[in-house]
Protein backbone atom coordinates (compact mmCIF):
# COMPACT_ATOMS: atom_id res chain seq x y z
CA MET A 1 71.07 58.18 40.72
CA THR A 2 67.88 56.07 39.76
CA ALA A 3 65.06 56.86 40.03
CA ARG A 4 61.99 54.77 41.67
CA THR A 5 59.09 54.81 39.94
CA HIS A 6 55.64 53.28 41.72
CA THR A 7 54.01 51.09 38.65
CA GLY A 8 50.76 50.52 41.41
CA ALA A 9 49.87 50.99 45.01
CA GLN A 10 51.14 48.12 46.94
CA VAL A 11 48.38 46.62 49.13
CA ARG A 12 49.66 45.36 52.46
CA ARG A 13 47.59 42.38 53.55
CA THR A 14 47.03 42.13 57.28
CA GLY A 15 46.99 38.32 57.51
CA VAL A 16 43.11 37.97 57.80
CA ASP A 17 41.07 36.53 55.24
CA THR A 18 37.39 38.06 55.88
CA ARG A 19 36.29 36.60 52.92
CA LEU A 20 32.44 34.20 53.68
CA PRO A 21 31.74 31.16 51.92
CA TRP A 22 28.85 30.82 50.26
CA TRP A 23 26.71 29.02 53.45
CA ALA A 24 27.00 31.53 56.03
CA LEU A 25 24.73 33.57 54.03
CA ALA A 26 22.68 30.78 51.73
CA LEU A 27 21.86 28.86 54.99
CA PRO A 28 20.52 31.62 57.16
CA ALA A 29 17.53 32.93 54.24
CA ALA A 30 16.65 29.13 54.33
CA ALA A 31 15.65 29.40 57.46
CA PHE A 32 14.24 32.70 57.64
CA VAL A 33 12.26 31.70 54.49
CA ALA A 34 11.48 28.72 56.23
CA LEU A 35 9.66 30.36 59.45
CA PHE A 36 8.34 33.04 57.65
CA LEU A 37 6.25 30.69 55.08
CA LEU A 38 5.35 28.48 58.08
CA VAL A 39 4.20 31.85 60.16
CA THR A 40 2.37 33.14 57.12
CA GLY A 41 1.26 29.65 55.46
CA SER A 42 -0.93 29.29 57.99
CA GLY A 43 -4.24 31.08 57.02
CA ASP A 44 -6.41 28.22 57.35
CA ALA A 45 -5.24 27.13 61.30
CA GLN A 46 -7.26 27.51 64.16
CA ALA A 47 -6.21 27.41 67.30
CA MET A 48 -8.13 24.66 69.72
CA GLY A 49 -9.88 27.87 71.86
CA GLY A 50 -7.64 29.89 74.63
CA ASP A 51 -6.23 33.75 74.40
CA PRO A 52 -5.38 34.00 70.13
CA GLY A 53 -1.85 35.71 71.27
CA VAL A 54 0.51 35.57 67.94
CA GLY A 55 -1.90 34.42 66.09
CA GLY A 56 -4.88 37.67 66.81
CA LEU A 57 -1.91 39.50 66.44
CA LEU A 58 -0.71 38.28 63.16
CA GLN A 59 -5.11 38.29 61.74
CA HIS A 60 -5.32 42.11 62.98
CA LEU A 61 -2.23 42.79 60.38
CA ARG A 62 -3.24 40.65 57.41
CA GLN A 63 -6.90 42.73 57.74
CA THR A 64 -5.11 46.49 58.57
CA LEU A 65 -2.53 45.92 55.00
CA SER A 66 -4.73 44.34 53.34
CA PRO A 67 -6.54 46.56 50.52
C-alpha cells in the first residue's frame, strides 16, 4: 500500500481570466486627470454674465479650503 503525498495546494482554474489590461486602468485615470485639470485650471476665466452656477460653487469651495 502506497501513501499519497501532497506536495502543494492544488489550484483549480475556473476558466475566467480576471486580469485587466494596462489600458483598462490607465485610460479612466488619464480622463479623470484631464477633466480635473480643466475644472481647476480655469482660475482666470470669467463667465459672461448670468448665473454663476458651478463657477460660484467652486469659488466658494476654494475660499473655504484656502488657509
